[in-house]
Structure formats: structure tokens, C-alpha cells
Full PDB file with SEQRES, HELIX, SHEET, SSBOND, CRYST1, ORIGX, SCALE, CONECT and MASTER records, all heavy atoms in Angstrom:
SEQRES   1 A   35  GLY SER LEU ALA ILE GLY VAL LEU ASN LYS ASN ASN GLU          
SEQRES   2 A   35  GLY THR PRO VAL PRO PHE LYS THR SER PHE ALA ASP LEU          
SEQRES   3 A   35  GLY PHE SER ASN LYS ASN GLY TYR SER                          
CRYST1    1.000    1.000    1.000  90.00  90.00  90.00 P 1           1          
ORIGX1      1.000000  0.000000  0.000000        0.00000                         
ORIGX2      0.000000  1.000000  0.000000        0.00000                         
ORIGX3      0.000000  0.000000  1.000000        0.00000                         
SCALE1      1.000000  0.000000  0.000000        0.00000                         
SCALE2      0.000000  1.000000  0.000000        0.00000                         
SCALE3      0.000000  0.000000  1.000000        0.00000                         
ATOM      1  N   GLY A   1       0.805  -1.216   0.000  1.00  0.00           N  
ATOM      2  CA  GLY A   1       0.000   0.000   0.000  1.00  0.00           C  
ATOM      3  C   GLY A   1       0.836   1.263   0.000  1.00  0.00           C  
ATOM      4  O   GLY A   1       0.318   2.356  -0.208  1.00  0.00           O  
ATOM      5  N   SER A   2       2.131   1.124   0.259  1.00  0.00           N  
ATOM      6  CA  SER A   2       3.040   2.264   0.161  1.00  0.00           C  
ATOM      7  C   SER A   2       3.371   2.535  -1.305  1.00  0.00           C  
ATOM      8  O   SER A   2       3.014   1.759  -2.203  1.00  0.00           O  
ATOM      9  CB  SER A   2       4.324   1.991   0.934  1.00  0.00           C  
ATOM     10  OG  SER A   2       4.064   1.824   2.309  1.00  0.00           O  
ATOM     11  N   LEU A   3       4.056   3.628  -1.536  1.00  0.00           N  
ATOM     12  CA  LEU A   3       4.526   3.970  -2.872  1.00  0.00           C  
ATOM     13  C   LEU A   3       6.009   4.272  -2.816  1.00  0.00           C  
ATOM     14  O   LEU A   3       6.498   4.878  -1.853  1.00  0.00           O  
ATOM     15  CB  LEU A   3       3.765   5.183  -3.427  1.00  0.00           C  
ATOM     16  CG  LEU A   3       2.257   4.982  -3.578  1.00  0.00           C  
ATOM     17  CD1 LEU A   3       1.525   5.773  -2.500  1.00  0.00           C  
ATOM     18  CD2 LEU A   3       1.784   5.395  -4.954  1.00  0.00           C  
ATOM     19  N   ALA A   4       6.735   3.828  -3.831  1.00  0.00           N  
ATOM     20  CA  ALA A   4       8.146   4.183  -3.983  1.00  0.00           C  
ATOM     21  C   ALA A   4       8.241   5.359  -4.939  1.00  0.00           C  
ATOM     22  O   ALA A   4       7.593   5.365  -5.994  1.00  0.00           O  
ATOM     23  CB  ALA A   4       8.948   3.000  -4.508  1.00  0.00           C  
ATOM     24  N   ILE A   5       9.028   6.350  -4.569  1.00  0.00           N  
ATOM     25  CA  ILE A   5       9.156   7.579  -5.349  1.00  0.00           C  
ATOM     26  C   ILE A   5      10.634   7.811  -5.660  1.00  0.00           C  
ATOM     27  O   ILE A   5      11.475   7.791  -4.759  1.00  0.00           O  
ATOM     28  CB  ILE A   5       8.615   8.802  -4.574  1.00  0.00           C  
ATOM     29  CG1 ILE A   5       7.193   8.546  -4.076  1.00  0.00           C  
ATOM     30  CG2 ILE A   5       8.675  10.058  -5.435  1.00  0.00           C  
ATOM     31  CD1 ILE A   5       6.727   9.575  -3.053  1.00  0.00           C  
ATOM     32  N   GLY A   6      10.938   8.014  -6.919  1.00  0.00           N  
ATOM     33  CA  GLY A   6      12.288   8.374  -7.323  1.00  0.00           C  
ATOM     34  C   GLY A   6      12.301   9.770  -7.894  1.00  0.00           C  
ATOM     35  O   GLY A   6      11.478  10.099  -8.763  1.00  0.00           O  
ATOM     36  N   VAL A   7      13.206  10.606  -7.411  1.00  0.00           N  
ATOM     37  CA  VAL A   7      13.375  11.955  -7.951  1.00  0.00           C  
ATOM     38  C   VAL A   7      14.758  11.996  -8.599  1.00  0.00           C  
ATOM     39  O   VAL A   7      15.781  11.996  -7.908  1.00  0.00           O  
ATOM     40  CB  VAL A   7      13.238  13.030  -6.862  1.00  0.00           C  
ATOM     41  CG1 VAL A   7      13.351  14.422  -7.486  1.00  0.00           C  
ATOM     42  CG2 VAL A   7      11.908  12.882  -6.121  1.00  0.00           C  
ATOM     43  N   LEU A   8      14.771  11.994  -9.918  1.00  0.00           N  
ATOM     44  CA  LEU A   8      16.024  11.978 -10.682  1.00  0.00           C  
ATOM     45  C   LEU A   8      16.431  13.398 -11.036  1.00  0.00           C  
ATOM     46  O   LEU A   8      15.622  14.185 -11.530  1.00  0.00           O  
ATOM     47  CB  LEU A   8      15.838  11.163 -11.966  1.00  0.00           C  
ATOM     48  CG  LEU A   8      17.028  11.159 -12.940  1.00  0.00           C  
ATOM     49  CD1 LEU A   8      18.220  10.432 -12.337  1.00  0.00           C  
ATOM     50  CD2 LEU A   8      16.619  10.536 -14.273  1.00  0.00           C  
ATOM     51  N   ASN A   9      17.697  13.706 -10.786  1.00  0.00           N  
ATOM     52  CA  ASN A   9      18.265  15.004 -11.155  1.00  0.00           C  
ATOM     53  C   ASN A   9      19.269  14.779 -12.282  1.00  0.00           C  
ATOM     54  O   ASN A   9      20.361  14.259 -12.062  1.00  0.00           O  
ATOM     55  CB  ASN A   9      18.942  15.653  -9.952  1.00  0.00           C  
ATOM     56  CG  ASN A   9      19.597  16.978 -10.291  1.00  0.00           C  
ATOM     57  OD1 ASN A   9      19.310  17.580 -11.321  1.00  0.00           O  
ATOM     58  ND2 ASN A   9      20.487  17.430  -9.423  1.00  0.00           N  
ATOM     59  N   LYS A  10      18.919  15.178 -13.497  1.00  0.00           N  
ATOM     60  CA  LYS A  10      19.829  15.056 -14.632  1.00  0.00           C  
ATOM     61  C   LYS A  10      20.879  16.154 -14.661  1.00  0.00           C  
ATOM     62  O   LYS A  10      21.896  16.035 -15.357  1.00  0.00           O  
ATOM     63  CB  LYS A  10      19.043  15.100 -15.947  1.00  0.00           C  
ATOM     64  CG  LYS A  10      18.147  13.919 -16.216  1.00  0.00           C  
ATOM     65  CD  LYS A  10      17.501  14.099 -17.587  1.00  0.00           C  
ATOM     66  CE  LYS A  10      16.612  12.942 -17.951  1.00  0.00           C  
ATOM     67  NZ  LYS A  10      15.992  13.130 -19.289  1.00  0.00           N  
ATOM     68  N   ASN A  11      20.632  17.234 -13.952  1.00  0.00           N  
ATOM     69  CA  ASN A  11      21.523  18.387 -13.985  1.00  0.00           C  
ATOM     70  C   ASN A  11      22.907  18.006 -13.465  1.00  0.00           C  
ATOM     71  O   ASN A  11      23.033  17.370 -12.418  1.00  0.00           O  
ATOM     72  CB  ASN A  11      20.925  19.515 -13.139  1.00  0.00           C  
ATOM     73  CG  ASN A  11      21.587  20.859 -13.387  1.00  0.00           C  
ATOM     74  OD1 ASN A  11      22.801  20.986 -13.240  1.00  0.00           O  
ATOM     75  ND2 ASN A  11      20.805  21.852 -13.751  1.00  0.00           N  
ATOM     76  N   ASN A  12      23.948  18.407 -14.197  1.00  0.00           N  
ATOM     77  CA  ASN A  12      25.313  18.056 -13.786  1.00  0.00           C  
ATOM     78  C   ASN A  12      26.083  19.234 -13.206  1.00  0.00           C  
ATOM     79  O   ASN A  12      27.304  19.177 -13.065  1.00  0.00           O  
ATOM     80  CB  ASN A  12      26.077  17.443 -14.951  1.00  0.00           C  
ATOM     81  CG  ASN A  12      26.194  18.377 -16.147  1.00  0.00           C  
ATOM     82  OD1 ASN A  12      25.867  19.558 -16.059  1.00  0.00           O  
ATOM     83  ND2 ASN A  12      26.653  17.837 -17.275  1.00  0.00           N  
ATOM     84  N   GLU A  13      25.380  20.322 -12.888  1.00  0.00           N  
ATOM     85  CA  GLU A  13      26.055  21.425 -12.218  1.00  0.00           C  
ATOM     86  C   GLU A  13      26.319  21.057 -10.767  1.00  0.00           C  
ATOM     87  O   GLU A  13      25.583  20.299 -10.154  1.00  0.00           O  
ATOM     88  CB  GLU A  13      25.210  22.699 -12.334  1.00  0.00           C  
ATOM     89  CG  GLU A  13      25.055  23.178 -13.774  1.00  0.00           C  
ATOM     90  CD  GLU A  13      24.227  24.440 -13.877  1.00  0.00           C  
ATOM     91  OE1 GLU A  13      23.832  24.994 -12.828  1.00  0.00           O  
ATOM     92  OE2 GLU A  13      23.973  24.872 -15.023  1.00  0.00           O  
ATOM     93  N   GLY A  14      27.385  21.633 -10.205  1.00  0.00           N  
ATOM     94  CA  GLY A  14      27.951  21.106  -8.976  1.00  0.00           C  
ATOM     95  C   GLY A  14      27.274  21.481  -7.686  1.00  0.00           C  
ATOM     96  O   GLY A  14      27.945  21.859  -6.723  1.00  0.00           O  
ATOM     97  N   THR A  15      25.948  21.361  -7.620  1.00  0.00           N  
ATOM     98  CA  THR A  15      25.266  21.593  -6.359  1.00  0.00           C  
ATOM     99  C   THR A  15      23.953  20.825  -6.370  1.00  0.00           C  
ATOM    100  O   THR A  15      23.334  20.663  -7.423  1.00  0.00           O  
ATOM    101  CB  THR A  15      24.991  23.095  -6.133  1.00  0.00           C  
ATOM    102  OG1 THR A  15      24.431  23.291  -4.837  1.00  0.00           O  
ATOM    103  CG2 THR A  15      24.032  23.650  -7.174  1.00  0.00           C  
ATOM    104  N   PRO A  16      23.531  20.302  -5.221  1.00  0.00           N  
ATOM    105  CA  PRO A  16      22.236  19.620  -5.181  1.00  0.00           C  
ATOM    106  C   PRO A  16      21.098  20.556  -5.558  1.00  0.00           C  
ATOM    107  O   PRO A  16      21.133  21.764  -5.275  1.00  0.00           O  
ATOM    108  CB  PRO A  16      22.136  19.157  -3.726  1.00  0.00           C  
ATOM    109  CG  PRO A  16      23.546  19.054  -3.261  1.00  0.00           C  
ATOM    110  CD  PRO A  16      24.266  20.177  -3.952  1.00  0.00           C  
ATOM    111  N   VAL A  17      20.085  19.993  -6.200  1.00  0.00           N  
ATOM    112  CA  VAL A  17      18.915  20.757  -6.629  1.00  0.00           C  
ATOM    113  C   VAL A  17      17.794  20.556  -5.616  1.00  0.00           C  
ATOM    114  O   VAL A  17      17.440  19.416  -5.299  1.00  0.00           O  
ATOM    115  CB  VAL A  17      18.447  20.306  -8.023  1.00  0.00           C  
ATOM    116  CG1 VAL A  17      17.101  20.938  -8.385  1.00  0.00           C  
ATOM    117  CG2 VAL A  17      19.502  20.662  -9.071  1.00  0.00           C  
ATOM    118  N   PRO A  18      17.230  21.645  -5.070  1.00  0.00           N  
ATOM    119  CA  PRO A  18      16.092  21.478  -4.163  1.00  0.00           C  
ATOM    120  C   PRO A  18      14.819  21.162  -4.954  1.00  0.00           C  
ATOM    121  O   PRO A  18      14.555  21.774  -5.989  1.00  0.00           O  
ATOM    122  CB  PRO A  18      15.980  22.836  -3.473  1.00  0.00           C  
ATOM    123  CG  PRO A  18      16.570  23.795  -4.449  1.00  0.00           C  
ATOM    124  CD  PRO A  18      17.634  23.058  -5.199  1.00  0.00           C  
ATOM    125  N   PHE A  19      14.064  20.188  -4.462  1.00  0.00           N  
ATOM    126  CA  PHE A  19      12.791  19.839  -5.081  1.00  0.00           C  
ATOM    127  C   PHE A  19      11.704  20.000  -4.021  1.00  0.00           C  
ATOM    128  O   PHE A  19      11.684  19.288  -3.028  1.00  0.00           O  
ATOM    129  CB  PHE A  19      12.813  18.408  -5.605  1.00  0.00           C  
ATOM    130  CG  PHE A  19      11.489  17.931  -6.133  1.00  0.00           C  
ATOM    131  CD1 PHE A  19      10.894  18.546  -7.220  1.00  0.00           C  
ATOM    132  CD2 PHE A  19      10.840  16.867  -5.522  1.00  0.00           C  
ATOM    133  CE1 PHE A  19       9.663  18.103  -7.705  1.00  0.00           C  
ATOM    134  CE2 PHE A  19       9.613  16.420  -5.998  1.00  0.00           C  
ATOM    135  CZ  PHE A  19       9.024  17.042  -7.095  1.00  0.00           C  
ATOM    136  N   LYS A  20      10.823  20.985  -4.244  1.00  0.00           N  
ATOM    137  CA  LYS A  20       9.767  21.296  -3.294  1.00  0.00           C  
ATOM    138  C   LYS A  20       8.435  20.839  -3.858  1.00  0.00           C  
ATOM    139  O   LYS A  20       8.081  21.153  -4.988  1.00  0.00           O  
ATOM    140  CB  LYS A  20       9.730  22.802  -3.010  1.00  0.00           C  
ATOM    141  CG  LYS A  20       8.740  23.212  -1.934  1.00  0.00           C  
ATOM    142  CD  LYS A  20       8.843  24.719  -1.662  1.00  0.00           C  
ATOM    143  CE  LYS A  20       7.907  25.142  -0.541  1.00  0.00           C  
ATOM    144  NZ  LYS A  20       8.024  26.602  -0.264  1.00  0.00           N  
ATOM    145  N   THR A  21       7.670  20.101  -3.056  1.00  0.00           N  
ATOM    146  CA  THR A  21       6.391  19.579  -3.527  1.00  0.00           C  
ATOM    147  C   THR A  21       5.522  19.221  -2.329  1.00  0.00           C  
ATOM    148  O   THR A  21       5.907  19.423  -1.171  1.00  0.00           O  
ATOM    149  CB  THR A  21       6.618  18.345  -4.434  1.00  0.00           C  
ATOM    150  OG1 THR A  21       5.394  17.989  -5.079  1.00  0.00           O  
ATOM    151  CG2 THR A  21       7.127  17.167  -3.637  1.00  0.00           C  
ATOM    152  N   SER A  22       4.353  18.686  -2.613  1.00  0.00           N  
ATOM    153  CA  SER A  22       3.481  18.102  -1.596  1.00  0.00           C  
ATOM    154  C   SER A  22       2.881  16.833  -2.191  1.00  0.00           C  
ATOM    155  O   SER A  22       2.924  16.615  -3.416  1.00  0.00           O  
ATOM    156  CB  SER A  22       2.360  19.065  -1.200  1.00  0.00           C  
ATOM    157  OG  SER A  22       1.414  19.188  -2.259  1.00  0.00           O  
ATOM    158  N   PHE A  23       2.330  16.002  -1.349  1.00  0.00           N  
ATOM    159  CA  PHE A  23       1.715  14.780  -1.858  1.00  0.00           C  
ATOM    160  C   PHE A  23       0.525  15.087  -2.752  1.00  0.00           C  
ATOM    161  O   PHE A  23       0.278  14.382  -3.742  1.00  0.00           O  
ATOM    162  CB  PHE A  23       1.305  13.868  -0.702  1.00  0.00           C  
ATOM    163  CG  PHE A  23       2.480  13.276   0.019  1.00  0.00           C  
ATOM    164  CD1 PHE A  23       2.743  13.606   1.344  1.00  0.00           C  
ATOM    165  CD2 PHE A  23       3.340  12.412  -0.619  1.00  0.00           C  
ATOM    166  CE1 PHE A  23       3.827  13.063   2.006  1.00  0.00           C  
ATOM    167  CE2 PHE A  23       4.434  11.870   0.025  1.00  0.00           C  
ATOM    168  CZ  PHE A  23       4.678  12.190   1.345  1.00  0.00           C  
ATOM    169  N   ALA A  24      -0.207  16.139  -2.430  1.00  0.00           N  
ATOM    170  CA  ALA A  24      -1.323  16.543  -3.288  1.00  0.00           C  
ATOM    171  C   ALA A  24      -0.815  16.940  -4.670  1.00  0.00           C  
ATOM    172  O   ALA A  24      -1.421  16.583  -5.694  1.00  0.00           O  
ATOM    173  CB  ALA A  24      -2.104  17.684  -2.650  1.00  0.00           C  
ATOM    174  N   ASP A  25       0.317  17.656  -4.703  1.00  0.00           N  
ATOM    175  CA  ASP A  25       0.890  18.055  -5.988  1.00  0.00           C  
ATOM    176  C   ASP A  25       1.313  16.835  -6.816  1.00  0.00           C  
ATOM    177  O   ASP A  25       1.294  16.872  -8.052  1.00  0.00           O  
ATOM    178  CB  ASP A  25       2.111  18.947  -5.776  1.00  0.00           C  
ATOM    179  CG  ASP A  25       1.745  20.323  -5.232  1.00  0.00           C  
ATOM    180  OD1 ASP A  25       0.570  20.730  -5.386  1.00  0.00           O  
ATOM    181  OD2 ASP A  25       2.623  20.979  -4.647  1.00  0.00           O  
ATOM    182  N   LEU A  26       1.696  15.757  -6.127  1.00  0.00           N  
ATOM    183  CA  LEU A  26       2.115  14.533  -6.819  1.00  0.00           C  
ATOM    184  C   LEU A  26       0.933  13.645  -7.203  1.00  0.00           C  
ATOM    185  O   LEU A  26       1.127  12.591  -7.813  1.00  0.00           O  
ATOM    186  CB  LEU A  26       3.087  13.742  -5.935  1.00  0.00           C  
ATOM    187  CG  LEU A  26       4.428  14.430  -5.621  1.00  0.00           C  
ATOM    188  CD1 LEU A  26       5.238  13.598  -4.641  1.00  0.00           C  
ATOM    189  CD2 LEU A  26       5.220  14.695  -6.901  1.00  0.00           C  
ATOM    190  N   GLY A  27      -0.260  14.051  -6.821  1.00  0.00           N  
ATOM    191  CA  GLY A  27      -1.447  13.285  -7.183  1.00  0.00           C  
ATOM    192  C   GLY A  27      -1.830  12.213  -6.192  1.00  0.00           C  
ATOM    193  O   GLY A  27      -2.682  11.373  -6.475  1.00  0.00           O  
ATOM    194  N   PHE A  28      -1.215  12.234  -5.002  1.00  0.00           N  
ATOM    195  CA  PHE A  28      -1.567  11.258  -3.976  1.00  0.00           C  
ATOM    196  C   PHE A  28      -2.872  11.699  -3.297  1.00  0.00           C  
ATOM    197  O   PHE A  28      -3.224  12.876  -3.307  1.00  0.00           O  
ATOM    198  CB  PHE A  28      -0.457  11.135  -2.944  1.00  0.00           C  
ATOM    199  CG  PHE A  28       0.827  10.536  -3.491  1.00  0.00           C  
ATOM    200  CD1 PHE A  28       1.030  10.355  -4.851  1.00  0.00           C  
ATOM    201  CD2 PHE A  28       1.847  10.162  -2.634  1.00  0.00           C  
ATOM    202  CE1 PHE A  28       2.199   9.809  -5.346  1.00  0.00           C  
ATOM    203  CE2 PHE A  28       3.029   9.626  -3.116  1.00  0.00           C  
ATOM    204  CZ  PHE A  28       3.204   9.445  -4.471  1.00  0.00           C  
ATOM    205  N   SER A  29      -3.548  10.753  -2.644  1.00  0.00           N  
ATOM    206  CA  SER A  29      -4.899  11.088  -2.188  1.00  0.00           C  
ATOM    207  C   SER A  29      -5.220  10.715  -0.747  1.00  0.00           C  
ATOM    208  O   SER A  29      -6.308  11.039  -0.272  1.00  0.00           O  
ATOM    209  CB  SER A  29      -5.923  10.407  -3.109  1.00  0.00           C  
ATOM    210  OG  SER A  29      -5.744   8.996  -3.107  1.00  0.00           O  
ATOM    211  N   ASN A  30      -4.310  10.054  -0.036  1.00  0.00           N  
ATOM    212  CA  ASN A  30      -4.646   9.664   1.334  1.00  0.00           C  
ATOM    213  C   ASN A  30      -4.844  10.911   2.209  1.00  0.00           C  
ATOM    214  O   ASN A  30      -3.911  11.710   2.397  1.00  0.00           O  
ATOM    215  CB  ASN A  30      -3.542   8.787   1.926  1.00  0.00           C  
ATOM    216  CG  ASN A  30      -3.887   8.308   3.322  1.00  0.00           C  
ATOM    217  OD1 ASN A  30      -4.938   7.719   3.545  1.00  0.00           O  
ATOM    218  ND2 ASN A  30      -2.993   8.577   4.267  1.00  0.00           N  
ATOM    219  N   LYS A  31      -6.024  11.086   2.752  1.00  0.00           N  
ATOM    220  CA  LYS A  31      -6.375  12.340   3.423  1.00  0.00           C  
ATOM    221  C   LYS A  31      -5.554  12.595   4.683  1.00  0.00           C  
ATOM    222  O   LYS A  31      -5.403  13.742   5.116  1.00  0.00           O  
ATOM    223  CB  LYS A  31      -7.860  12.358   3.772  1.00  0.00           C  
ATOM    224  CG  LYS A  31      -8.299  11.274   4.743  1.00  0.00           C  
ATOM    225  CD  LYS A  31      -9.787  11.346   5.011  1.00  0.00           C  
ATOM    226  CE  LYS A  31     -10.235  10.276   6.000  1.00  0.00           C  
ATOM    227  NZ  LYS A  31     -11.704  10.349   6.253  1.00  0.00           N  
ATOM    228  N   ASN A  32      -4.995  11.531   5.291  1.00  0.00           N  
ATOM    229  CA  ASN A  32      -4.204  11.702   6.509  1.00  0.00           C  
ATOM    230  C   ASN A  32      -2.730  11.966   6.230  1.00  0.00           C  
ATOM    231  O   ASN A  32      -1.951  12.144   7.162  1.00  0.00           O  
ATOM    232  CB  ASN A  32      -4.339  10.458   7.390  1.00  0.00           C  
ATOM    233  CG  ASN A  32      -5.750  10.287   7.914  1.00  0.00           C  
ATOM    234  OD1 ASN A  32      -6.422  11.274   8.242  1.00  0.00           O  
ATOM    235  ND2 ASN A  32      -6.211   9.041   7.976  1.00  0.00           N  
ATOM    236  N   GLY A  33      -2.355  11.957   4.952  1.00  0.00           N  
ATOM    237  CA  GLY A  33      -0.967  12.209   4.602  1.00  0.00           C  
ATOM    238  C   GLY A  33      -0.121  10.943   4.601  1.00  0.00           C  
ATOM    239  O   GLY A  33      -0.639   9.813   4.635  1.00  0.00           O  
ATOM    240  N   TYR A  34       1.208  11.151   4.600  1.00  0.00           N  
ATOM    241  CA  TYR A  34       2.126  10.032   4.426  1.00  0.00           C  
ATOM    242  C   TYR A  34       3.388  10.242   5.274  1.00  0.00           C  
ATOM    243  O   TYR A  34       3.772  11.364   5.577  1.00  0.00           O  
ATOM    244  CB  TYR A  34       2.552   9.912   2.957  1.00  0.00           C  
ATOM    245  CG  TYR A  34       1.417   9.610   2.010  1.00  0.00           C  
ATOM    246  CD1 TYR A  34       0.595  10.629   1.539  1.00  0.00           C  
ATOM    247  CD2 TYR A  34       1.175   8.313   1.581  1.00  0.00           C  
ATOM    248  CE1 TYR A  34      -0.440  10.366   0.660  1.00  0.00           C  
ATOM    249  CE2 TYR A  34       0.145   8.034   0.693  1.00  0.00           C  
ATOM    250  CZ  TYR A  34      -0.662   9.057   0.243  1.00  0.00           C  
ATOM    251  OH  TYR A  34      -1.693   8.783  -0.624  1.00  0.00           O  
ATOM    252  N   SER A  35       4.016   9.119   5.569  1.00  0.00           N  
ATOM    253  CA  SER A  35       5.323   9.124   6.217  1.00  0.00           C  
ATOM    254  C   SER A  35       6.381   8.825   5.169  1.00  0.00           C  
ATOM    255  O   SER A  35       6.270   7.834   4.426  1.00  0.00           O  
ATOM    256  CB  SER A  35       5.364   8.073   7.326  1.00  0.00           C  
ATOM    257  OG  SER A  35       6.654   7.966   7.885  1.00  0.00           O  
TER     258      SER A  35                                                      
MASTER        0    0    0    0    0    0    0    6  257    1    0    3          
END                                                                             
């Protein structure tokens, strides 16, 4: 019932890329949220 999520960064510039989102933005629907 869990989901595996991969966030791939193709960018090769020398610093980590911040990725800001929410589960709603990703299309998830469990009303109590996720761990």
C-alpha cells in the first residue's frame, strides 16, 4: 500500500537541486498524509 518515489536530477552542475512539492501536488490522495 506504500509507494516508492524516485526523484532523478539530470543536472550536472555542482550543487544539489532542491525539489519542493506536496503529496497533493504529486497526485496522492490519502487524506491523513504520508510518512
